Amino acid sequence: MKKELNVNLDNAKYFAGHSLGEYSALCAANYLSFSDTIKLLKVRGDAMQNA
């Protein structure tokens, strides 16, 4: 984001997301690591497929 859009996410006070975007927001806020986010999204995708 910094390089391509000149946006520094380190200065953000809030992140928001809806549905799948919630995971992106948690990752962008450094609440979840990128690898943990990917693992959770795999589990979520499998659960959604089976629902």
N, C-alpha and C. Protein backbone atom coordinates (compact mmCIF):
# COMPACT_ATOMS: atom_id res chain seq x y z
N MET A 1 0.82 -1.19 0.00
CA MET A 1 0.00 0.00 0.00
C MET A 1 0.87 1.25 0.00
N LYS A 2 1.92 1.23 0.78
CA LYS A 2 2.80 2.41 0.82
C LYS A 2 3.40 2.68 -0.54
N LYS A 3 3.91 1.63 -1.15
CA LYS A 3 4.63 1.78 -2.41
C LYS A 3 3.70 2.14 -3.57
N GLU A 4 2.60 1.44 -3.69
CA GLU A 4 1.74 1.62 -4.85
C GLU A 4 0.75 2.77 -4.72
N LEU A 5 0.22 2.99 -3.50
CA LEU A 5 -0.83 3.98 -3.33
C LEU A 5 -0.44 5.14 -2.42
N ASN A 6 0.79 5.10 -1.90
CA ASN A 6 1.27 6.11 -0.97
C ASN A 6 0.36 6.23 0.25
N VAL A 7 -0.09 5.07 0.76
CA VAL A 7 -0.94 5.01 1.95
C VAL A 7 -0.18 4.24 3.02
N ASN A 8 0.00 4.89 4.16
CA ASN A 8 0.71 4.26 5.27
C ASN A 8 -0.31 3.73 6.28
N LEU A 9 -0.51 2.42 6.30
CA LEU A 9 -1.49 1.82 7.21
C LEU A 9 -1.07 1.92 8.66
N ASP A 10 0.19 2.20 8.92
CA ASP A 10 0.64 2.36 10.30
C ASP A 10 0.02 3.58 10.96
N ASN A 11 -0.44 4.53 10.16
CA ASN A 11 -1.06 5.74 10.70
C ASN A 11 -2.57 5.60 10.89
N ALA A 12 -3.14 4.50 10.45
CA ALA A 12 -4.59 4.31 10.55
C ALA A 12 -5.00 4.06 12.00
N LYS A 13 -6.12 4.64 12.38
CA LYS A 13 -6.64 4.45 13.73
C LYS A 13 -7.67 3.34 13.77
N TYR A 14 -8.34 3.08 12.67
CA TYR A 14 -9.42 2.10 12.62
C TYR A 14 -9.33 1.28 11.33
N PHE A 15 -9.75 0.04 11.41
CA PHE A 15 -9.90 -0.82 10.25
C PHE A 15 -11.27 -1.46 10.36
N ALA A 16 -11.95 -1.60 9.25
CA ALA A 16 -13.27 -2.19 9.25
C ALA A 16 -13.40 -3.14 8.07
N GLY A 17 -14.26 -4.10 8.25
CA GLY A 17 -14.52 -5.04 7.17
C GLY A 17 -15.85 -5.72 7.38
N HIS A 18 -16.38 -6.28 6.33
CA HIS A 18 -17.64 -6.99 6.41
C HIS A 18 -17.43 -8.36 5.80
N SER A 19 -17.89 -9.38 6.50
CA SER A 19 -17.79 -10.75 6.04
C SER A 19 -16.32 -11.13 5.86
N LEU A 20 -15.90 -11.43 4.66
CA LEU A 20 -14.51 -11.79 4.42
C LEU A 20 -13.57 -10.63 4.74
N GLY A 21 -14.03 -9.43 4.57
CA GLY A 21 -13.24 -8.25 4.85
C GLY A 21 -12.86 -8.09 6.31
N GLU A 22 -13.60 -8.74 7.20
CA GLU A 22 -13.27 -8.68 8.63
C GLU A 22 -11.89 -9.27 8.86
N TYR A 23 -11.57 -10.33 8.15
CA TYR A 23 -10.26 -10.96 8.31
C TYR A 23 -9.16 -10.06 7.76
N SER A 24 -9.44 -9.40 6.66
CA SER A 24 -8.47 -8.45 6.09
C SER A 24 -8.22 -7.31 7.06
N ALA A 25 -9.29 -6.82 7.69
CA ALA A 25 -9.15 -5.73 8.65
C ALA A 25 -8.33 -6.17 9.85
N LEU A 26 -8.58 -7.36 10.36
CA LEU A 26 -7.81 -7.86 11.50
C LEU A 26 -6.34 -8.03 11.16
N CYS A 27 -6.08 -8.47 9.96
CA CYS A 27 -4.69 -8.64 9.51
C CYS A 27 -4.03 -7.27 9.31
N ALA A 28 -4.73 -6.34 8.70
CA ALA A 28 -4.18 -5.00 8.46
C ALA A 28 -3.89 -4.27 9.77
N ALA A 29 -4.69 -4.56 10.78
CA ALA A 29 -4.50 -3.93 12.09
C ALA A 29 -3.43 -4.65 12.92
N ASN A 30 -2.82 -5.66 12.33
CA ASN A 30 -1.80 -6.47 13.00
C ASN A 30 -2.33 -7.21 14.23
N TYR A 31 -3.63 -7.47 14.24
CA TYR A 31 -4.21 -8.29 15.31
C TYR A 31 -3.96 -9.77 15.00
N LEU A 32 -4.03 -10.12 13.72
CA LEU A 32 -3.69 -11.46 13.25
C LEU A 32 -2.50 -11.37 12.33
N SER A 33 -1.63 -12.36 12.40
CA SER A 33 -0.52 -12.40 11.45
C SER A 33 -1.06 -12.81 10.08
N PHE A 34 -0.29 -12.53 9.05
CA PHE A 34 -0.71 -12.90 7.71
C PHE A 34 -0.89 -14.40 7.59
N SER A 35 0.04 -15.17 8.15
CA SER A 35 -0.06 -16.64 8.05
C SER A 35 -1.26 -17.17 8.82
N ASP A 36 -1.55 -16.60 9.99
CA ASP A 36 -2.74 -17.03 10.74
C ASP A 36 -4.02 -16.67 9.99
N THR A 37 -4.01 -15.51 9.34
CA THR A 37 -5.18 -15.09 8.56
C THR A 37 -5.43 -16.07 7.41
N ILE A 38 -4.38 -16.47 6.72
CA ILE A 38 -4.52 -17.43 5.62
C ILE A 38 -5.07 -18.75 6.12
N LYS A 39 -4.58 -19.22 7.25
CA LYS A 39 -5.06 -20.48 7.83
C LYS A 39 -6.54 -20.38 8.19
N LEU A 40 -6.93 -19.27 8.81
CA LEU A 40 -8.34 -19.08 9.16
C LEU A 40 -9.22 -19.00 7.92
N LEU A 41 -8.74 -18.34 6.88
CA LEU A 41 -9.53 -18.23 5.66
C LEU A 41 -9.70 -19.58 4.97
N LYS A 42 -8.72 -20.44 5.09
CA LYS A 42 -8.84 -21.80 4.54
C LYS A 42 -9.94 -22.55 5.26
N VAL A 43 -9.93 -22.48 6.60
CA VAL A 43 -10.97 -23.15 7.40
C VAL A 43 -12.34 -22.55 7.09
N ARG A 44 -12.39 -21.22 6.98
CA ARG A 44 -13.65 -20.54 6.66
C ARG A 44 -14.17 -20.97 5.29
N GLY A 45 -13.29 -21.01 4.31
CA GLY A 45 -13.68 -21.42 2.97
C GLY A 45 -14.22 -22.83 2.93
N ASP A 46 -13.57 -23.74 3.65
CA ASP A 46 -14.05 -25.12 3.72
C ASP A 46 -15.42 -25.19 4.38
N ALA A 47 -15.59 -24.43 5.46
CA ALA A 47 -16.88 -24.43 6.16
C ALA A 47 -17.99 -23.86 5.27
N MET A 48 -17.68 -22.79 4.54
CA MET A 48 -18.67 -22.19 3.65
C MET A 48 -19.04 -23.15 2.51
N GLN A 49 -18.04 -23.86 2.01
CA GLN A 49 -18.29 -24.82 0.94
C GLN A 49 -19.19 -25.95 1.40
N ASN A 50 -19.02 -26.36 2.64
CA ASN A 50 -19.78 -27.49 3.18
C ASN A 50 -21.15 -27.09 3.71
N ALA A 51 -21.39 -25.79 3.84
CA ALA A 51 -22.67 -25.31 4.41
C ALA A 51 -23.80 -25.43 3.41
